[in-house]
Structures are given as C-alpha cells and as structure tokens.
Amino acid sequence: MHSAVLKGNKNGYEIVINDKSSIKDILHELTILLGELSHNKALKSAKLFINVNSGLRLLSTDEKNKIRDLANSYENLSIDKFISKTVTIDKAEQMIKDNTINTLDKVIRNGQDVFIDGDVLFFGKIHNGGKLVASGNIYLMGNSEGILQAGFPNDENKLIIGNVSTSQQVRVGEQFEVIADNQNVPELSDTVIYVNDLHVLSYGKINNLKQINPKFFNKIGGI
C-alpha cells in the first residue's frame, strides 16, 4: 500500500496520506509524486496549490513543516492546507464548550464578581455592585441590578439576551453602556444586546436575531 497518493479533483490536487505509514516513507513517496507533478509540462506554467489529507492521522507541526518545505522546494508547487478527520484534545474541548450552556442560579452580591467560561443561562439575582462576566453569551432569565458582561475580554460577536433595564451597566467585549444614561432601553425579556457594525452597543429583539447575528442564528438552528 502506498504511503501517499496524489488525486485530482475539481478544485485542483490533493495528497492523501496513509495514516499508518511512517513520516519517512511518506516523505519518500511525496518526493517522487511532487517531482513528477512539478515537471508535468502541461502544468508547469501554473502555480499549483495542493491540499494534504491525513485522514485519521493528526500530523504534528514538525511533520507539516517537512511536507511544506518539500513542496516549496519546487517553484510551481505550494501546500494550501492540511485536512484531517481528527482534532486535538484542546480543539475538541473548545468545541464542546462552544456548544454547552452553563446554568447558574445564585445571588451575586455587591462587590462580587462571578466569571463563567462559555455561555451562561442565569436564573438568579445580581445586586447593585455585583457583576456577572462570561466569555460567551449571557441569557438573563433572572433579575439584574448590577453589571453584565458577555464576550469577555474582547469578543464583540457575543450577545446578552434578556431584560437588562434594571441593570447598572451592560458590556459586550470592550463596548459598554451605563443603563441610566439611556432612557430607551427596552423593558422586555426578548431584548438582544449586541455590538453593531459601528462598534456601538445596540438593542434589538429575538425575532430579528437572523439579521443581528446570522452566525449565532444558524448555530441554534433558527427560531
């Protein structure tokens, strides 16, 4: 069985690596395959960008660099991207976190800061001077008289959803607003607080979520 196979598709060329082969055998066969491809007269005039598919094998940074350096040794060849059916543990944990909503039902008192890594569905109460901070989105089902911050420290794509009219302050990423300074904050539980294209906090409604944040709308499967 070959350690590496070159395949053509509508987008160009792809190298499929045998995930059970050693990197030494892979590089040996790649040298032959890339050499033949580089010297193909019909293709020599154009720059060829090649994807590398390692299947169930997760290539290390060093292995990727060796393959990339080999391709770069030919003037008309370059590696576009590496594709794999596997993910690192860190990436897998991040994917799980991104699709998990933490629930919190507690009283956050004056002077207390509570941090949640990810999204949070909050059922409790935040007193004046208390602060709820999340790296993800905040779904406010309880009562807030304190400070709410989503997208900590600087992610302006996150949202706060709920009635924030009695809060001291709302923040999304690095943008914030003192609620007392805005007489037009909706007193509705379906309010969406987000950062608009001008990097200013805005207030919308859940039924306009597709326009406010299409990526988030698609993630939850629409409403």
C-alpha atoms as a PDB file:
ATOM      1  CA  MET A   1       0.000   0.000   0.000  1.00  0.00           C
ATOM      2  CA  HIS A   2       1.280   3.447  -0.936  1.00  0.00           C
ATOM      3  CA  SER A   3       2.217   5.885   1.801  1.00  0.00           C
ATOM      4  CA  ALA A   4       0.923   8.822  -0.251  1.00  0.00           C
ATOM      5  CA  VAL A   5      -1.399   9.088  -3.251  1.00  0.00           C
ATOM      6  CA  LEU A   6      -1.954  12.092  -5.489  1.00  0.00           C
ATOM      7  CA  LYS A   7      -5.562  12.704  -6.542  1.00  0.00           C
ATOM      8  CA  GLY A   8      -7.045  15.311  -8.827  1.00  0.00           C
ATOM      9  CA  ASN A   9     -10.392  16.969  -8.197  1.00  0.00           C
ATOM     10  CA  LYS A  10     -12.369  19.956  -9.454  1.00  0.00           C
ATOM     11  CA  ASN A  11     -10.502  22.253  -7.061  1.00  0.00           C
ATOM     12  CA  GLY A  12      -7.019  21.065  -8.009  1.00  0.00           C
ATOM     13  CA  TYR A  13      -4.883  18.365  -6.398  1.00  0.00           C
ATOM     14  CA  GLU A  14      -4.984  16.554  -3.084  1.00  0.00           C
ATOM     15  CA  ILE A  15      -2.386  14.306  -1.476  1.00  0.00           C
ATOM     16  CA  VAL A  16      -3.961  11.507   0.563  1.00  0.00           C
ATOM     17  CA  ILE A  17      -1.622  10.137   3.209  1.00  0.00           C
ATOM     18  CA  ASN A  18      -1.756   6.604   4.583  1.00  0.00           C
ATOM     19  CA  ASP A  19      -2.250   7.295   8.288  1.00  0.00           C
ATOM     20  CA  LYS A  20      -0.361   4.100   9.226  1.00  0.00           C
ATOM     21  CA  SER A  21       2.842   4.979   7.319  1.00  0.00           C
ATOM     22  CA  SER A  22       5.926   6.499   8.892  1.00  0.00           C
ATOM     23  CA  ILE A  23       6.771  10.100   8.085  1.00  0.00           C
ATOM     24  CA  LYS A  24       9.977   8.825   6.456  1.00  0.00           C
ATOM     25  CA  ASP A  25       8.020   6.668   3.983  1.00  0.00           C
ATOM     26  CA  ILE A  26       5.519   9.463   3.388  1.00  0.00           C
ATOM     27  CA  LEU A  27       8.247  11.980   2.548  1.00  0.00           C
ATOM     28  CA  HIS A  28       9.959   9.451   0.273  1.00  0.00           C
ATOM     29  CA  GLU A  29       6.815   8.916  -1.803  1.00  0.00           C
ATOM     30  CA  LEU A  30       5.952  12.624  -1.742  1.00  0.00           C
ATOM     31  CA  THR A  31       9.348  13.409  -3.239  1.00  0.00           C
ATOM     32  CA  ILE A  32       8.525  11.173  -6.193  1.00  0.00           C
ATOM     33  CA  LEU A  33       4.921  12.385  -6.577  1.00  0.00           C
ATOM     34  CA  LEU A  34       5.690  16.082  -6.266  1.00  0.00           C
ATOM     35  CA  GLY A  35       8.672  15.761  -8.580  1.00  0.00           C
ATOM     36  CA  GLU A  36       6.521  14.190 -11.279  1.00  0.00           C
ATOM     37  CA  LEU A  37       3.804  16.793 -10.781  1.00  0.00           C
ATOM     38  CA  SER A  38       6.243  19.697 -10.862  1.00  0.00           C
ATOM     39  CA  HIS A  39       7.809  18.517 -14.123  1.00  0.00           C
ATOM     40  CA  ASN A  40       4.497  17.848 -15.861  1.00  0.00           C
ATOM     41  CA  LYS A  41       4.762  20.043 -18.959  1.00  0.00           C
ATOM     42  CA  ALA A  42       1.017  20.650 -19.118  1.00  0.00           C
ATOM     43  CA  LEU A  43       1.036  22.075 -15.559  1.00  0.00           C
ATOM     44  CA  LYS A  44       4.482  23.643 -15.300  1.00  0.00           C
ATOM     45  CA  SER A  45       3.406  27.161 -16.250  1.00  0.00           C
ATOM     46  CA  ALA A  46       0.885  27.474 -13.406  1.00  0.00           C
ATOM     47  CA  LYS A  47       1.363  27.647  -9.635  1.00  0.00           C
ATOM     48  CA  LEU A  48      -0.277  24.570  -8.098  1.00  0.00           C
ATOM     49  CA  PHE A  49      -1.780  24.680  -4.617  1.00  0.00           C
ATOM     50  CA  ILE A  50      -2.164  21.252  -3.038  1.00  0.00           C
ATOM     51  CA  ASN A  51      -4.227  20.079  -0.074  1.00  0.00           C
ATOM     52  CA  VAL A  52      -2.845  17.343   2.180  1.00  0.00           C
ATOM     53  CA  ASN A  53      -5.421  14.912   3.613  1.00  0.00           C
ATOM     54  CA  SER A  54      -4.035  12.871   6.510  1.00  0.00           C
ATOM     55  CA  GLY A  55      -7.298  11.029   7.258  1.00  0.00           C
ATOM     56  CA  LEU A  56      -7.327   9.711  10.824  1.00  0.00           C
ATOM     57  CA  ARG A  57      -3.765  10.841  11.437  1.00  0.00           C
ATOM     58  CA  LEU A  58      -3.059  14.153  13.165  1.00  0.00           C
ATOM     59  CA  LEU A  59       0.189  15.499  11.745  1.00  0.00           C
ATOM     60  CA  SER A  60       2.491  17.329  14.128  1.00  0.00           C
ATOM     61  CA  THR A  61       3.709  20.845  13.388  1.00  0.00           C
ATOM     62  CA  ASP A  62       7.152  19.420  12.564  1.00  0.00           C
ATOM     63  CA  GLU A  63       5.685  16.866  10.126  1.00  0.00           C
ATOM     64  CA  LYS A  64       3.600  19.559   8.420  1.00  0.00           C
ATOM     65  CA  ASN A  65       6.657  21.773   8.080  1.00  0.00           C
ATOM     66  CA  LYS A  66       8.643  18.947   6.471  1.00  0.00           C
ATOM     67  CA  ILE A  67       5.893  18.358   3.905  1.00  0.00           C
ATOM     68  CA  ARG A  68       5.512  22.086   3.282  1.00  0.00           C
ATOM     69  CA  ASP A  69       9.275  22.536   2.847  1.00  0.00           C
ATOM     70  CA  LEU A  70       9.363  19.654   0.370  1.00  0.00           C
ATOM     71  CA  ALA A  71       6.607  21.226  -1.734  1.00  0.00           C
ATOM     72  CA  ASN A  72       8.238  24.650  -1.549  1.00  0.00           C
ATOM     73  CA  SER A  73      11.442  23.191  -2.973  1.00  0.00           C
ATOM     74  CA  TYR A  74       9.601  23.167  -6.311  1.00  0.00           C
ATOM     75  CA  GLU A  75       8.962  26.635  -7.735  1.00  0.00           C
ATOM     76  CA  ASN A  76       5.482  25.838  -9.025  1.00  0.00           C
ATOM     77  CA  LEU A  77       4.165  23.881  -6.004  1.00  0.00           C
ATOM     78  CA  SER A  78       2.766  25.001  -2.675  1.00  0.00           C
ATOM     79  CA  ILE A  79       0.728  23.396   0.118  1.00  0.00           C
ATOM     80  CA  ASP A  80      -2.611  25.147   0.529  1.00  0.00           C
ATOM     81  CA  LYS A  81      -3.962  23.446   3.643  1.00  0.00           C
ATOM     82  CA  PHE A  82      -3.856  20.285   5.748  1.00  0.00           C
ATOM     83  CA  ILE A  83      -7.085  18.319   6.222  1.00  0.00           C
ATOM     84  CA  SER A  84      -7.755  15.711   8.904  1.00  0.00           C
ATOM     85  CA  LYS A  85     -10.729  13.809  10.294  1.00  0.00           C
ATOM     86  CA  THR A  86      -9.282  14.140  13.785  1.00  0.00           C
ATOM     87  CA  VAL A  87      -8.986  17.102  16.157  1.00  0.00           C
ATOM     88  CA  THR A  88      -6.648  17.884  19.037  1.00  0.00           C
ATOM     89  CA  ILE A  89      -7.878  17.422  22.600  1.00  0.00           C
ATOM     90  CA  ASP A  90      -7.766  21.203  23.105  1.00  0.00           C
ATOM     91  CA  LYS A  91      -9.882  21.791  19.996  1.00  0.00           C
ATOM     92  CA  ALA A  92     -12.344  19.078  20.984  1.00  0.00           C
ATOM     93  CA  GLU A  93     -12.720  20.618  24.443  1.00  0.00           C
ATOM     94  CA  GLN A  94     -13.274  24.019  22.834  1.00  0.00           C
ATOM     95  CA  MET A  95     -15.959  22.583  20.518  1.00  0.00           C
ATOM     96  CA  ILE A  96     -17.746  21.032  23.498  1.00  0.00           C
ATOM     97  CA  LYS A  97     -17.519  24.290  25.439  1.00  0.00           C
ATOM     98  CA  ASP A  98     -18.856  26.281  22.471  1.00  0.00           C
ATOM     99  CA  ASN A  99     -21.931  24.035  22.360  1.00  0.00           C
ATOM    100  CA  THR A 100     -22.553  23.865  26.115  1.00  0.00           C
ATOM    101  CA  ILE A 101     -24.651  26.314  28.116  1.00  0.00           C
ATOM    102  CA  ASN A 102     -23.779  26.657  31.792  1.00  0.00           C
ATOM    103  CA  THR A 103     -26.689  27.250  34.159  1.00  0.00           C
ATOM    104  CA  LEU A 104     -26.342  29.447  37.220  1.00  0.00           C
ATOM    105  CA  ASP A 105     -28.920  30.160  39.918  1.00  0.00           C
ATOM    106  CA  LYS A 106     -27.407  32.240  42.697  1.00  0.00           C
ATOM    107  CA  VAL A 107     -27.343  35.686  44.246  1.00  0.00           C
ATOM    108  CA  ILE A 108     -24.392  37.845  43.221  1.00  0.00           C
ATOM    109  CA  ARG A 109     -23.992  40.497  45.885  1.00  0.00           C
ATOM    110  CA  ASN A 110     -22.377  43.931  45.912  1.00  0.00           C
ATOM    111  CA  GLY A 111     -18.620  43.587  45.323  1.00  0.00           C
ATOM    112  CA  GLN A 112     -18.840  40.027  43.993  1.00  0.00           C
ATOM    113  CA  ASP A 113     -17.557  39.120  40.514  1.00  0.00           C
ATOM    114  CA  VAL A 114     -18.649  35.794  39.039  1.00  0.00           C
ATOM    115  CA  PHE A 115     -16.915  34.541  35.884  1.00  0.00           C
ATOM    116  CA  ILE A 116     -18.287  31.830  33.575  1.00  0.00           C
ATOM    117  CA  ASP A 117     -16.143  30.298  30.832  1.00  0.00           C
ATOM    118  CA  GLY A 118     -18.582  29.926  27.930  1.00  0.00           C
ATOM    119  CA  ASP A 119     -22.307  30.674  27.638  1.00  0.00           C
ATOM    120  CA  VAL A 120     -24.446  31.069  30.763  1.00  0.00           C
ATOM    121  CA  LEU A 121     -28.172  30.784  31.438  1.00  0.00           C
ATOM    122  CA  PHE A 122     -28.653  32.894  34.562  1.00  0.00           C
ATOM    123  CA  PHE A 123     -31.694  32.369  36.835  1.00  0.00           C
ATOM    124  CA  GLY A 124     -30.511  34.210  39.925  1.00  0.00           C
ATOM    125  CA  LYS A 125     -30.263  37.818  41.035  1.00  0.00           C
ATOM    126  CA  ILE A 126     -27.434  40.328  40.671  1.00  0.00           C
ATOM    127  CA  HIS A 127     -27.454  43.052  43.294  1.00  0.00           C
ATOM    128  CA  ASN A 128     -26.282  46.591  42.640  1.00  0.00           C
ATOM    129  CA  GLY A 129     -22.478  46.405  42.553  1.00  0.00           C
ATOM    130  CA  GLY A 130     -22.436  42.710  41.654  1.00  0.00           C
ATOM    131  CA  LYS A 131     -21.003  41.528  38.351  1.00  0.00           C
ATOM    132  CA  LEU A 132     -21.627  38.550  36.068  1.00  0.00           C
ATOM    133  CA  VAL A 133     -18.936  38.036  33.426  1.00  0.00           C
ATOM    134  CA  ALA A 134     -18.977  35.371  30.700  1.00  0.00           C
ATOM    135  CA  SER A 135     -16.591  34.617  27.854  1.00  0.00           C
ATOM    136  CA  GLY A 136     -19.653  33.571  25.832  1.00  0.00           C
ATOM    137  CA  ASN A 137     -23.264  34.755  25.646  1.00  0.00           C
ATOM    138  CA  ILE A 138     -25.454  35.639  28.633  1.00  0.00           C
ATOM    139  CA  TYR A 139     -29.092  34.530  28.726  1.00  0.00           C
ATOM    140  CA  LEU A 140     -30.689  36.523  31.538  1.00  0.00           C
ATOM    141  CA  MET A 141     -33.724  34.739  32.980  1.00  0.00           C
ATOM    142  CA  GLY A 142     -33.349  36.195  36.454  1.00  0.00           C
ATOM    143  CA  ASN A 143     -33.035  39.757  37.687  1.00  0.00           C
ATOM    144  CA  SER A 144     -30.084  42.091  37.286  1.00  0.00           C
ATOM    145  CA  GLU A 145     -29.416  45.325  39.135  1.00  0.00           C
ATOM    146  CA  GLY A 146     -25.666  45.028  38.637  1.00  0.00           C
ATOM    147  CA  ILE A 147     -23.225  44.627  35.739  1.00  0.00           C
ATOM    148  CA  LEU A 148     -23.443  42.112  32.902  1.00  0.00           C
ATOM    149  CA  GLN A 149     -20.531  41.421  30.560  1.00  0.00           C
ATOM    150  CA  ALA A 150     -20.619  38.950  27.674  1.00  0.00           C
ATOM    151  CA  GLY A 151     -17.704  38.157  25.350  1.00  0.00           C
ATOM    152  CA  PHE A 152     -15.011  38.743  27.972  1.00  0.00           C
ATOM    153  CA  PRO A 153     -12.440  40.053  27.365  1.00  0.00           C
ATOM    154  CA  ASN A 154     -12.890  41.423  23.829  1.00  0.00           C
ATOM    155  CA  ASP A 155     -15.247  39.247  21.745  1.00  0.00           C
ATOM    156  CA  GLU A 156     -17.800  41.607  20.225  1.00  0.00           C
ATOM    157  CA  ASN A 157     -19.690  38.801  18.464  1.00  0.00           C
ATOM    158  CA  LYS A 158     -21.349  37.652  21.701  1.00  0.00           C
ATOM    159  CA  LEU A 159     -24.811  38.643  22.940  1.00  0.00           C
ATOM    160  CA  ILE A 160     -26.760  39.416  26.090  1.00  0.00           C
ATOM    161  CA  ILE A 161     -30.380  38.293  25.850  1.00  0.00           C
ATOM    162  CA  GLY A 162     -32.985  39.319  28.437  1.00  0.00           C
ATOM    163  CA  ASN A 163     -34.428  42.264  30.323  1.00  0.00           C
ATOM    164  CA  VAL A 164     -31.455  44.414  31.346  1.00  0.00           C
ATOM    165  CA  SER A 165     -33.460  47.594  32.046  1.00  0.00           C
ATOM    166  CA  THR A 166     -32.748  47.480  35.800  1.00  0.00           C
ATOM    167  CA  SER A 167     -29.023  46.771  35.400  1.00  0.00           C
ATOM    168  CA  GLN A 168     -26.277  49.264  36.212  1.00  0.00           C
ATOM    169  CA  GLN A 169     -24.251  48.504  33.121  1.00  0.00           C
ATOM    170  CA  VAL A 170     -24.032  46.114  30.164  1.00  0.00           C
ATOM    171  CA  ARG A 171     -20.862  45.156  28.300  1.00  0.00           C
ATOM    172  CA  VAL A 172     -20.203  43.103  25.190  1.00  0.00           C
ATOM    173  CA  GLY A 173     -16.500  42.623  24.549  1.00  0.00           C
ATOM    174  CA  GLU A 174     -14.941  46.035  25.142  1.00  0.00           C
ATOM    175  CA  GLN A 175     -18.108  48.051  24.436  1.00  0.00           C
ATOM    176  CA  PHE A 176     -20.250  49.144  27.378  1.00  0.00           C
ATOM    177  CA  GLU A 177     -23.173  51.347  28.331  1.00  0.00           C
ATOM    178  CA  VAL A 178     -24.471  52.704  31.621  1.00  0.00           C
ATOM    179  CA  ILE A 179     -28.180  51.861  31.571  1.00  0.00           C
ATOM    180  CA  ALA A 180     -29.169  55.014  33.493  1.00  0.00           C
ATOM    181  CA  ASP A 181     -27.742  57.085  30.619  1.00  0.00           C
ATOM    182  CA  ASN A 182     -30.116  55.522  28.080  1.00  0.00           C
ATOM    183  CA  GLN A 183     -33.826  56.141  28.566  1.00  0.00           C
ATOM    184  CA  ASN A 184     -34.717  53.901  25.615  1.00  0.00           C
ATOM    185  CA  VAL A 185     -33.550  50.532  26.948  1.00  0.00           C
ATOM    186  CA  PRO A 186     -36.438  48.078  26.369  1.00  0.00           C
ATOM    187  CA  GLU A 187     -38.025  46.528  29.464  1.00  0.00           C
ATOM    188  CA  LEU A 188     -38.550  43.232  27.635  1.00  0.00           C
ATOM    189  CA  SER A 189     -37.250  39.710  28.208  1.00  0.00           C
ATOM    190  CA  ASP A 190     -36.701  39.175  24.458  1.00  0.00           C
ATOM    191  CA  THR A 191     -34.231  42.053  24.194  1.00  0.00           C
ATOM    192  CA  VAL A 192     -30.931  41.309  22.445  1.00  0.00           C
ATOM    193  CA  ILE A 193     -27.912  43.465  23.331  1.00  0.00           C
ATOM    194  CA  TYR A 194     -25.206  43.321  20.675  1.00  0.00           C
ATOM    195  CA  VAL A 195     -22.364  45.300  19.089  1.00  0.00           C
ATOM    196  CA  ASN A 196     -23.378  46.753  15.718  1.00  0.00           C
ATOM    197  CA  ASP A 197     -21.252  47.434  12.636  1.00  0.00           C
ATOM    198  CA  LEU A 198     -20.232  50.810  14.098  1.00  0.00           C
ATOM    199  CA  HIS A 199     -18.847  49.047  17.206  1.00  0.00           C
ATOM    200  CA  VAL A 200     -21.566  50.536  19.380  1.00  0.00           C
ATOM    201  CA  LEU A 201     -23.973  48.660  21.660  1.00  0.00           C
ATOM    202  CA  SER A 202     -27.456  48.292  20.194  1.00  0.00           C
ATOM    203  CA  TYR A 203     -30.741  46.794  21.348  1.00  0.00           C
ATOM    204  CA  GLY A 204     -32.846  44.503  19.206  1.00  0.00           C
ATOM    205  CA  LYS A 205     -35.364  41.684  19.601  1.00  0.00           C
ATOM    206  CA  ILE A 206     -35.035  37.926  19.367  1.00  0.00           C
ATOM    207  CA  ASN A 207     -37.247  37.767  16.271  1.00  0.00           C
ATOM    208  CA  ASN A 208     -34.607  39.894  14.479  1.00  0.00           C
ATOM    209  CA  LEU A 209     -31.741  37.622  15.538  1.00  0.00           C
ATOM    210  CA  LYS A 210     -31.079  36.417  11.984  1.00  0.00           C
ATOM    211  CA  GLN A 211     -30.221  39.974  10.943  1.00  0.00           C
ATOM    212  CA  ILE A 212     -28.413  40.848  14.184  1.00  0.00           C
ATOM    213  CA  ASN A 213     -26.084  37.826  14.269  1.00  0.00           C
ATOM    214  CA  PRO A 214     -26.552  35.343  11.381  1.00  0.00           C
ATOM    215  CA  LYS A 215     -23.791  33.031  12.659  1.00  0.00           C
ATOM    216  CA  PHE A 216     -25.430  32.670  16.074  1.00  0.00           C
ATOM    217  CA  PHE A 217     -28.867  32.280  14.461  1.00  0.00           C
ATOM    218  CA  ASN A 218     -27.618  29.390  12.320  1.00  0.00           C
ATOM    219  CA  LYS A 219     -25.809  27.811  15.278  1.00  0.00           C
ATOM    220  CA  ILE A 220     -29.033  27.468  17.247  1.00  0.00           C
ATOM    221  CA  GLY A 221     -30.915  26.254  14.184  1.00  0.00           C
ATOM    222  CA  GLY A 222     -33.120  29.300  13.700  1.00  0.00           C
ATOM    223  CA  ILE A 223     -36.122  30.414  15.663  1.00  0.00           C
END
